[in-house]
PDB file of all heavy atoms in Angstrom:
ATOM      1  N   PRO A   1      64.635  57.916  99.552  1.00  0.00           N
ATOM      2  CA  PRO A   1      66.055  57.776  99.907  1.00  0.00           C
ATOM      3  C   PRO A   1      66.693  59.061 100.437  1.00  0.00           C
ATOM      4  O   PRO A   1      67.836  59.024 100.881  1.00  0.00           O
ATOM      5  CB  PRO A   1      66.687  57.380  98.572  1.00  0.00           C
ATOM      6  CG  PRO A   1      65.869  58.099  97.556  1.00  0.00           C
ATOM      7  CD  PRO A   1      64.467  58.083  98.089  1.00  0.00           C
ATOM      8  N   LYS A   2      65.969  60.192 100.391  1.00  0.00           N
ATOM      9  CA  LYS A   2      66.550  61.462 100.842  1.00  0.00           C
ATOM     10  C   LYS A   2      65.629  62.071 101.882  1.00  0.00           C
ATOM     11  O   LYS A   2      64.464  62.353 101.615  1.00  0.00           O
ATOM     12  CB  LYS A   2      66.730  62.427  99.655  1.00  0.00           C
ATOM     13  CG  LYS A   2      67.501  63.691  99.993  1.00  0.00           C
ATOM     14  CD  LYS A   2      68.925  63.384 100.398  1.00  0.00           C
ATOM     15  CE  LYS A   2      69.696  64.664 100.733  1.00  0.00           C
ATOM     16  NZ  LYS A   2      71.046  64.362 101.247  1.00  0.00           N
ATOM     17  N   THR A   3      66.143  62.276 103.070  1.00  0.00           N
ATOM     18  CA  THR A   3      65.335  62.770 104.177  1.00  0.00           C
ATOM     19  C   THR A   3      65.110  64.279 104.067  1.00  0.00           C
ATOM     20  O   THR A   3      65.924  65.007 103.499  1.00  0.00           O
ATOM     21  CB  THR A   3      66.010  62.476 105.526  1.00  0.00           C
ATOM     22  OG1 THR A   3      67.292  63.119 105.544  1.00  0.00           O
ATOM     23  CG2 THR A   3      66.218  60.990 105.718  1.00  0.00           C
ATOM     24  N   ARG A   4      63.982  64.720 104.638  1.00  0.00           N
ATOM     25  CA  ARG A   4      63.734  66.165 104.739  1.00  0.00           C
ATOM     26  C   ARG A   4      64.741  66.801 105.688  1.00  0.00           C
ATOM     27  O   ARG A   4      65.192  67.927 105.472  1.00  0.00           O
ATOM     28  CB  ARG A   4      62.309  66.422 105.255  1.00  0.00           C
ATOM     29  CG  ARG A   4      61.211  65.947 104.340  1.00  0.00           C
ATOM     30  CD  ARG A   4      59.835  66.325 104.897  1.00  0.00           C
ATOM     31  NE  ARG A   4      59.617  65.776 106.218  1.00  0.00           N
ATOM     32  CZ  ARG A   4      59.103  64.576 106.439  1.00  0.00           C
ATOM     33  NH1 ARG A   4      58.776  63.805 105.417  1.00  0.00           N
ATOM     34  NH2 ARG A   4      58.907  64.136 107.663  1.00  0.00           N
ATOM     35  N   GLN A   5      65.056  66.081 106.773  1.00  0.00           N
ATOM     36  CA  GLN A   5      66.015  66.559 107.744  1.00  0.00           C
ATOM     37  C   GLN A   5      67.432  66.353 107.207  1.00  0.00           C
ATOM     38  O   GLN A   5      67.673  65.464 106.396  1.00  0.00           O
ATOM     39  CB  GLN A   5      65.873  65.794 109.066  1.00  0.00           C
ATOM     40  CG  GLN A   5      64.453  65.663 109.582  1.00  0.00           C
ATOM     41  CD  GLN A   5      63.736  64.410 109.078  1.00  0.00           C
ATOM     42  OE1 GLN A   5      64.014  63.923 107.979  1.00  0.00           O
ATOM     43  NE2 GLN A   5      62.805  63.898 109.874  1.00  0.00           N
ATOM     44  N   LYS A   6      68.362  67.157 107.661  1.00  0.00           N
ATOM     45  CA  LYS A   6      69.762  66.852 107.417  1.00  0.00           C
ATOM     46  C   LYS A   6      70.076  65.557 108.152  1.00  0.00           C
ATOM     47  O   LYS A   6      69.669  65.376 109.307  1.00  0.00           O
ATOM     48  CB  LYS A   6      70.668  67.978 107.921  1.00  0.00           C
ATOM     49  CG  LYS A   6      70.548  69.285 107.140  1.00  0.00           C
ATOM     50  CD  LYS A   6      71.172  69.163 105.756  1.00  0.00           C
ATOM     51  CE  LYS A   6      71.131  70.493 105.032  1.00  0.00           C
ATOM     52  NZ  LYS A   6      71.688  70.391 103.655  1.00  0.00           N
ATOM     53  N   LEU A   7      70.810  64.658 107.508  1.00  0.00           N
ATOM     54  CA  LEU A   7      71.074  63.347 108.095  1.00  0.00           C
ATOM     55  C   LEU A   7      72.565  63.076 108.165  1.00  0.00           C
ATOM     56  O   LEU A   7      73.260  63.098 107.142  1.00  0.00           O
ATOM     57  CB  LEU A   7      70.399  62.241 107.280  1.00  0.00           C
ATOM     58  CG  LEU A   7      70.698  60.794 107.704  1.00  0.00           C
ATOM     59  CD1 LEU A   7      70.192  60.524 109.117  1.00  0.00           C
ATOM     60  CD2 LEU A   7      70.085  59.801 106.715  1.00  0.00           C
ATOM     61  N   VAL A   8      73.032  62.803 109.398  1.00  0.00           N
ATOM     62  CA  VAL A   8      74.372  62.282 109.619  1.00  0.00           C
ATOM     63  C   VAL A   8      74.210  60.831 110.032  1.00  0.00           C
ATOM     64  O   VAL A   8      73.562  60.532 111.034  1.00  0.00           O
ATOM     65  CB  VAL A   8      75.125  63.067 110.713  1.00  0.00           C
ATOM     66  CG1 VAL A   8      76.488  62.428 110.976  1.00  0.00           C
ATOM     67  CG2 VAL A   8      75.278  64.527 110.323  1.00  0.00           C
ATOM     68  N   HIS A   9      74.770  59.931 109.257  1.00  0.00           N
ATOM     69  CA  HIS A   9      74.622  58.501 109.539  1.00  0.00           C
ATOM     70  C   HIS A   9      75.988  57.931 109.856  1.00  0.00           C
ATOM     71  O   HIS A   9      76.891  57.941 109.005  1.00  0.00           O
ATOM     72  CB  HIS A   9      74.008  57.774 108.339  1.00  0.00           C
ATOM     73  CG  HIS A   9      73.531  56.386 108.649  1.00  0.00           C
ATOM     74  ND1 HIS A   9      73.048  55.512 107.697  1.00  0.00           N
ATOM     75  CD2 HIS A   9      73.454  55.698 109.838  1.00  0.00           C
ATOM     76  CE1 HIS A   9      72.700  54.376 108.273  1.00  0.00           C
ATOM     77  NE2 HIS A   9      72.945  54.471 109.557  1.00  0.00           N
ATOM     78  N   ILE A  10      76.138  57.428 111.089  1.00  0.00           N
ATOM     79  CA  ILE A  10      77.381  56.803 111.526  1.00  0.00           C
ATOM     80  C   ILE A  10      77.120  55.315 111.693  1.00  0.00           C
ATOM     81  O   ILE A  10      76.227  54.909 112.442  1.00  0.00           O
ATOM     82  CB  ILE A  10      77.877  57.406 112.852  1.00  0.00           C
ATOM     83  CG1 ILE A  10      78.071  58.923 112.715  1.00  0.00           C
ATOM     84  CG2 ILE A  10      79.171  56.740 113.296  1.00  0.00           C
ATOM     85  CD1 ILE A  10      78.452  59.611 114.013  1.00  0.00           C
ATOM     86  N   HIS A  11      77.895  54.501 110.978  1.00  0.00           N
ATOM     87  CA  HIS A  11      77.680  53.054 111.026  1.00  0.00           C
ATOM     88  C   HIS A  11      79.010  52.354 110.839  1.00  0.00           C
ATOM     89  O   HIS A  11      79.921  52.887 110.196  1.00  0.00           O
ATOM     90  CB  HIS A  11      76.695  52.625 109.944  1.00  0.00           C
ATOM     91  CG  HIS A  11      76.077  51.285 110.195  1.00  0.00           C
ATOM     92  ND1 HIS A  11      76.680  50.115 109.821  1.00  0.00           N
ATOM     93  CD2 HIS A  11      74.906  50.934 110.793  1.00  0.00           C
ATOM     94  CE1 HIS A  11      75.907  49.092 110.185  1.00  0.00           C
ATOM     95  NE2 HIS A  11      74.832  49.567 110.773  1.00  0.00           N
ATOM     96  N   ALA A  12      79.108  51.146 111.384  1.00  0.00           N
ATOM     97  CA  ALA A  12      80.362  50.397 111.315  1.00  0.00           C
ATOM     98  C   ALA A  12      80.629  49.802 109.942  1.00  0.00           C
ATOM     99  O   ALA A  12      81.765  49.459 109.625  1.00  0.00           O
ATOM    100  CB  ALA A  12      80.359  49.277 112.357  1.00  0.00           C
ATOM    101  N   SER A  13      79.603  49.675 109.124  1.00  0.00           N
ATOM    102  CA  SER A  13      79.740  49.013 107.830  1.00  0.00           C
ATOM    103  C   SER A  13      79.670  50.013 106.691  1.00  0.00           C
ATOM    104  O   SER A  13      78.683  50.755 106.563  1.00  0.00           O
ATOM    105  CB  SER A  13      78.643  47.962 107.657  1.00  0.00           C
ATOM    106  OG  SER A  13      78.632  47.454 106.341  1.00  0.00           O
ATOM    107  N   ALA A  14      80.679  50.013 105.840  1.00  0.00           N
ATOM    108  CA  ALA A  14      80.654  50.879 104.658  1.00  0.00           C
ATOM    109  C   ALA A  14      79.500  50.491 103.740  1.00  0.00           C
ATOM    110  O   ALA A  14      78.893  51.357 103.083  1.00  0.00           O
ATOM    111  CB  ALA A  14      81.985  50.772 103.912  1.00  0.00           C
ATOM    112  N   GLU A  15      79.169  49.187 103.691  1.00  0.00           N
ATOM    113  CA  GLU A  15      78.100  48.728 102.814  1.00  0.00           C
ATOM    114  C   GLU A  15      76.732  49.235 103.257  1.00  0.00           C
ATOM    115  O   GLU A  15      75.806  49.334 102.447  1.00  0.00           O
ATOM    116  CB  GLU A  15      78.077  47.191 102.765  1.00  0.00           C
ATOM    117  CG  GLU A  15      79.251  46.563 102.027  1.00  0.00           C
ATOM    118  CD  GLU A  15      80.545  46.599 102.811  1.00  0.00           C
ATOM    119  OE1 GLU A  15      80.494  46.805 104.045  1.00  0.00           O
ATOM    120  OE2 GLU A  15      81.611  46.425 102.200  1.00  0.00           O
ATOM    121  N   GLU A  16      76.596  49.546 104.549  1.00  0.00           N
ATOM    122  CA  GLU A  16      75.308  50.004 105.061  1.00  0.00           C
ATOM    123  C   GLU A  16      75.084  51.487 104.785  1.00  0.00           C
ATOM    124  O   GLU A  16      73.953  51.939 104.621  1.00  0.00           O
ATOM    125  CB  GLU A  16      75.228  49.739 106.567  1.00  0.00           C
ATOM    126  CG  GLU A  16      73.829  49.830 107.144  1.00  0.00           C
ATOM    127  CD  GLU A  16      72.895  48.785 106.559  1.00  0.00           C
ATOM    128  OE1 GLU A  16      73.343  47.655 106.297  1.00  0.00           O
ATOM    129  OE2 GLU A  16      71.706  49.119 106.356  1.00  0.00           O
ATOM    130  N   LEU A  17      76.160  52.258 104.733  1.00  0.00           N
ATOM    131  CA  LEU A  17      76.054  53.704 104.521  1.00  0.00           C
ATOM    132  C   LEU A  17      75.614  53.995 103.092  1.00  0.00           C
ATOM    133  O   LEU A  17      76.153  53.438 102.131  1.00  0.00           O
ATOM    134  CB  LEU A  17      77.390  54.372 104.833  1.00  0.00           C
ATOM    135  CG  LEU A  17      77.824  54.278 106.299  1.00  0.00           C
ATOM    136  CD1 LEU A  17      79.280  54.675 106.455  1.00  0.00           C
ATOM    137  CD2 LEU A  17      76.926  55.137 107.185  1.00  0.00           C
ATOM    138  N   ASN A  18      74.617  54.884 102.967  1.00  0.00           N
ATOM    139  CA  ASN A  18      74.064  55.286 101.667  1.00  0.00           C
ATOM    140  C   ASN A  18      73.434  54.121 100.904  1.00  0.00           C
ATOM    141  O   ASN A  18      73.248  54.196  99.692  1.00  0.00           O
ATOM    142  CB  ASN A  18      75.135  55.960 100.797  1.00  0.00           C
ATOM    143  CG  ASN A  18      75.621  57.262 101.396  1.00  0.00           C
ATOM    144  OD1 ASN A  18      74.841  58.009 101.980  1.00  0.00           O
ATOM    145  ND2 ASN A  18      76.911  57.534 101.283  1.00  0.00           N
ATOM    146  N   ARG A  19      73.083  53.053 101.631  1.00  0.00           N
ATOM    147  CA  ARG A  19      72.411  51.923 100.991  1.00  0.00           C
ATOM    148  C   ARG A  19      70.928  52.196 100.805  1.00  0.00           C
ATOM    149  O   ARG A  19      70.376  51.985  99.728  1.00  0.00           O
ATOM    150  CB  ARG A  19      72.613  50.642 101.810  1.00  0.00           C
ATOM    151  CG  ARG A  19      71.983  49.403 101.173  1.00  0.00           C
ATOM    152  CD  ARG A  19      72.373  48.131 101.913  1.00  0.00           C
ATOM    153  NE  ARG A  19      71.761  48.059 103.228  1.00  0.00           N
ATOM    154  CZ  ARG A  19      70.562  47.499 103.462  1.00  0.00           C
ATOM    155  NH1 ARG A  19      69.849  47.009 102.464  1.00  0.00           N
ATOM    156  NH2 ARG A  19      70.077  47.432 104.684  1.00  0.00           N
ATOM    157  N   VAL A  20      70.262  52.669 101.867  1.00  0.00           N
ATOM    158  CA  VAL A  20      68.854  53.043 101.793  1.00  0.00           C
ATOM    159  C   VAL A  20      68.711  54.555 101.789  1.00  0.00           C
ATOM    160  O   VAL A  20      67.979  55.123 100.969  1.00  0.00           O
ATOM    161  CB  VAL A  20      68.060  52.439 102.972  1.00  0.00           C
ATOM    162  CG1 VAL A  20      66.605  52.891 102.933  1.00  0.00           C
ATOM    163  CG2 VAL A  20      68.150  50.917 102.948  1.00  0.00           C
ATOM    164  N   TYR A  21      69.420  55.201 102.698  1.00  0.00           N
ATOM    165  CA  TYR A  21      69.339  56.657 102.837  1.00  0.00           C
ATOM    166  C   TYR A  21      70.612  57.318 102.315  1.00  0.00           C
ATOM    167  O   TYR A  21      71.724  56.914 102.671  1.00  0.00           O
ATOM    168  CB  TYR A  21      69.139  57.040 104.309  1.00  0.00           C
ATOM    169  CG  TYR A  21      67.765  56.704 104.819  1.00  0.00           C
ATOM    170  CD1 TYR A  21      67.519  55.518 105.500  1.00  0.00           C
ATOM    171  CD2 TYR A  21      66.698  57.576 104.607  1.00  0.00           C
ATOM    172  CE1 TYR A  21      66.252  55.204 105.956  1.00  0.00           C
ATOM    173  CE2 TYR A  21      65.426  57.273 105.067  1.00  0.00           C
ATOM    174  CZ  TYR A  21      65.210  56.089 105.737  1.00  0.00           C
ATOM    175  OH  TYR A  21      63.949  55.785 106.181  1.00  0.00           O
ATOM    176  N   GLN A  22      70.435  58.310 101.487  1.00  0.00           N
ATOM    177  CA  GLN A  22      71.560  59.122 101.022  1.00  0.00           C
ATOM    178  C   GLN A  22      71.807  60.208 102.070  1.00  0.00           C
ATOM    179  O   GLN A  22      71.126  61.221 102.104  1.00  0.00           O
ATOM    180  CB  GLN A  22      71.259  59.736  99.656  1.00  0.00           C
ATOM    181  CG  GLN A  22      71.132  58.698  98.541  1.00  0.00           C
ATOM    182  CD  GLN A  22      72.439  57.966  98.300  1.00  0.00           C
ATOM    183  OE1 GLN A  22      73.478  58.583  98.095  1.00  0.00           O
ATOM    184  NE2 GLN A  22      72.389  56.635  98.334  1.00  0.00           N
ATOM    185  N   ALA A  23      72.772  59.954 102.939  1.00  0.00           N
ATOM    186  CA  ALA A  23      73.028  60.862 104.062  1.00  0.00           C
ATOM    187  C   ALA A  23      73.733  62.130 103.582  1.00  0.00           C
ATOM    188  O   ALA A  23      74.476  62.116 102.591  1.00  0.00           O
ATOM    189  CB  ALA A  23      73.880  60.154 105.102  1.00  0.00           C
ATOM    190  N   ASP A  24      73.488  63.217 104.302  1.00  0.00           N
ATOM    191  CA  ASP A  24      74.247  64.442 104.044  1.00  0.00           C
ATOM    192  C   ASP A  24      75.695  64.276 104.490  1.00  0.00           C
ATOM    193  O   ASP A  24      76.595  64.902 103.927  1.00  0.00           O
ATOM    194  CB  ASP A  24      73.589  65.614 104.778  1.00  0.00           C
ATOM    195  CG  ASP A  24      72.194  65.894 104.255  1.00  0.00           C
ATOM    196  OD1 ASP A  24      72.065  66.610 103.254  1.00  0.00           O
ATOM    197  OD2 ASP A  24      71.226  65.367 104.843  1.00  0.00           O
ATOM    198  N   LEU A  25      75.891  63.419 105.494  1.00  0.00           N
ATOM    199  CA  LEU A  25      77.234  63.088 105.945  1.00  0.00           C
ATOM    200  C   LEU A  25      77.222  61.636 106.414  1.00  0.00           C
ATOM    201  O   LEU A  25      76.493  61.298 107.345  1.00  0.00           O
ATOM    202  CB  LEU A  25      77.685  64.014 107.081  1.00  0.00           C
ATOM    203  CG  LEU A  25      79.062  63.734 107.688  1.00  0.00           C
ATOM    204  CD1 LEU A  25      80.165  63.893 106.643  1.00  0.00           C
ATOM    205  CD2 LEU A  25      79.319  64.647 108.890  1.00  0.00           C
ATOM    206  N   ALA A  26      77.997  60.793 105.759  1.00  0.00           N
ATOM    207  CA  ALA A  26      78.107  59.384 106.143  1.00  0.00           C
ATOM    208  C   ALA A  26      79.492  59.147 106.720  1.00  0.00           C
ATOM    209  O   ALA A  26      80.500  59.534 106.121  1.00  0.00           O
ATOM    210  CB  ALA A  26      77.880  58.485 104.935  1.00  0.00           C
ATOM    211  N   ILE A  27      79.517  58.537 107.895  1.00  0.00           N
ATOM    212  CA  ILE A  27      80.779  58.279 108.588  1.00  0.00           C
ATOM    213  C   ILE A  27      80.859  56.795 108.934  1.00  0.00           C
ATOM    214  O   ILE A  27      79.982  56.264 109.623  1.00  0.00           O
ATOM    215  CB  ILE A  27      80.895  59.117 109.881  1.00  0.00           C
ATOM    216  CG1 ILE A  27      80.836  60.618 109.567  1.00  0.00           C
ATOM    217  CG2 ILE A  27      82.179  58.771 110.633  1.00  0.00           C
ATOM    218  CD1 ILE A  27      80.830  61.495 110.809  1.00  0.00           C
ATOM    219  N   GLN A  28      81.910  56.136 108.444  1.00  0.00           N
ATOM    220  CA  GLN A  28      82.121  54.737 108.825  1.00  0.00           C
ATOM    221  C   GLN A  28      82.961  54.693 110.090  1.00  0.00           C
ATOM    222  O   GLN A  28      84.100  55.156 110.107  1.00  0.00           O
ATOM    223  CB  GLN A  28      82.819  53.951 107.718  1.00  0.00           C
ATOM    224  CG  GLN A  28      82.976  52.476 108.082  1.00  0.00           C
ATOM    225  CD  GLN A  28      83.827  51.709 107.094  1.00  0.00           C
ATOM    226  OE1 GLN A  28      84.340  52.288 106.130  1.00  0.00           O
ATOM    227  NE2 GLN A  28      83.982  50.417 107.323  1.00  0.00           N
ATOM    228  N   ALA A  29      82.378  54.138 111.150  1.00  0.00           N
ATOM    229  CA  ALA A  29      83.096  54.014 112.420  1.00  0.00           C
ATOM    230  C   ALA A  29      82.378  53.000 113.281  1.00  0.00           C
ATOM    231  O   ALA A  29      81.144  52.918 113.275  1.00  0.00           O
ATOM    232  CB  ALA A  29      83.181  55.350 113.144  1.00  0.00           C
ATOM    233  N   THR A  30      83.149  52.209 114.024  1.00  0.00           N
ATOM    234  CA  THR A  30      82.544  51.329 115.012  1.00  0.00           C
ATOM    235  C   THR A  30      82.085  52.167 116.198  1.00  0.00           C
ATOM    236  O   THR A  30      82.530  53.304 116.402  1.00  0.00           O
ATOM    237  CB  THR A  30      83.555  50.278 115.465  1.00  0.00           C
ATOM    238  OG1 THR A  30      84.779  50.918 115.817  1.00  0.00           O
ATOM    239  CG2 THR A  30      83.821  49.267 114.359  1.00  0.00           C
ATOM    240  N   MET A  31      81.195  51.611 116.991  1.00  0.00           N
ATOM    241  CA  MET A  31      80.554  52.418 118.024  1.00  0.00           C
ATOM    242  C   MET A  31      81.535  52.908 119.087  1.00  0.00           C
ATOM    243  O   MET A  31      81.452  54.054 119.544  1.00  0.00           O
ATOM    244  CB  MET A  31      79.407  51.643 118.666  1.00  0.00           C
ATOM    245  CG  MET A  31      78.238  51.381 117.711  1.00  0.00           C
ATOM    246  SD  MET A  31      77.607  52.877 116.901  1.00  0.00           S
ATOM    247  CE  MET A  31      78.442  52.849 115.319  1.00  0.00           C
ATOM    248  N   ASN A  32      82.459  52.056 119.512  1.00  0.00           N
ATOM    249  CA  ASN A  32      83.441  52.503 120.503  1.00  0.00           C
ATOM    250  C   ASN A  32      84.256  53.671 119.976  1.00  0.00           C
ATOM    251  O   ASN A  32      84.478  54.668 120.674  1.00  0.00           O
ATOM    252  CB  ASN A  32      84.377  51.349 120.886  1.00  0.00           C
ATOM    253  CG  ASN A  32      83.766  50.428 121.919  1.00  0.00           C
ATOM    254  OD1 ASN A  32      82.855  50.806 122.633  1.00  0.00           O
ATOM    255  ND2 ASN A  32      84.270  49.208 121.992  1.00  0.00           N
ATOM    256  N   ALA A  33      84.705  53.562 118.729  1.00  0.00           N
ATOM    257  CA  ALA A  33      85.520  54.617 118.144  1.00  0.00           C
ATOM    258  C   ALA A  33      84.684  55.865 117.883  1.00  0.00           C
ATOM    259  O   ALA A  33      85.122  56.990 118.149  1.00  0.00           O
ATOM    260  CB  ALA A  33      86.159  54.123 116.851  1.00  0.00           C
ATOM    261  N   ALA A  34      83.473  55.690 117.360  1.00  0.00           N
ATOM    262  CA  ALA A  34      82.628  56.841 117.042  1.00  0.00           C
ATOM    263  C   ALA A  34      82.284  57.644 118.289  1.00  0.00           C
ATOM    264  O   ALA A  34      82.418  58.875 118.320  1.00  0.00           O
ATOM    265  CB  ALA A  34      81.347  56.368 116.356  1.00  0.00           C
ATOM    266  N   ALA A  35      81.838  56.948 119.333  1.00  0.00           N
ATOM    267  CA  ALA A  35      81.425  57.660 120.547  1.00  0.00           C
ATOM    268  C   ALA A  35      82.603  58.374 121.201  1.00  0.00           C
ATOM    269  O   ALA A  35      82.460  59.494 121.712  1.00  0.00           O
ATOM    270  CB  ALA A  35      80.780  56.676 121.523  1.00  0.00           C
ATOM    271  N   ARG A  36      83.763  57.742 121.180  1.00  0.00           N
ATOM    272  CA  ARG A  36      84.941  58.388 121.776  1.00  0.00           C
ATOM    273  C   ARG A  36      85.381  59.591 120.955  1.00  0.00           C
ATOM    274  O   ARG A  36      85.931  60.561 121.506  1.00  0.00           O
ATOM    275  CB  ARG A  36      86.053  57.358 121.917  1.00  0.00           C
ATOM    276  CG  ARG A  36      85.770  56.324 123.004  1.00  0.00           C
ATOM    277  CD  ARG A  36      86.701  55.129 122.932  1.00  0.00           C
ATOM    278  NE  ARG A  36      88.090  55.490 123.135  1.00  0.00           N
ATOM    279  CZ  ARG A  36      89.105  54.634 123.003  1.00  0.00           C
ATOM    280  NH1 ARG A  36      88.856  53.366 122.658  1.00  0.00           N
ATOM    281  NH2 ARG A  36      90.337  55.021 123.211  1.00  0.00           N
ATOM    282  N   SER A  37      85.166  59.545 119.645  1.00  0.00           N
ATOM    283  CA  SER A  37      85.470  60.712 118.818  1.00  0.00           C
ATOM    284  C   SER A  37      84.478  61.838 119.069  1.00  0.00           C
ATOM    285  O   SER A  37      84.849  63.016 119.135  1.00  0.00           O
ATOM    286  CB  SER A  37      85.452  60.328 117.331  1.00  0.00           C
ATOM    287  OG  SER A  37      86.453  59.385 117.027  1.00  0.00           O
TER     288      SER A  37
END
């Protein structure tokens, strides 16, 4: 559940974040909003 690499996980679903991988930074955002940010 913890990657060797630093992991930033951006996903539209809060339920998906930190479900399998414990990210160093988890960001909930839809793709249009995330990419524009």
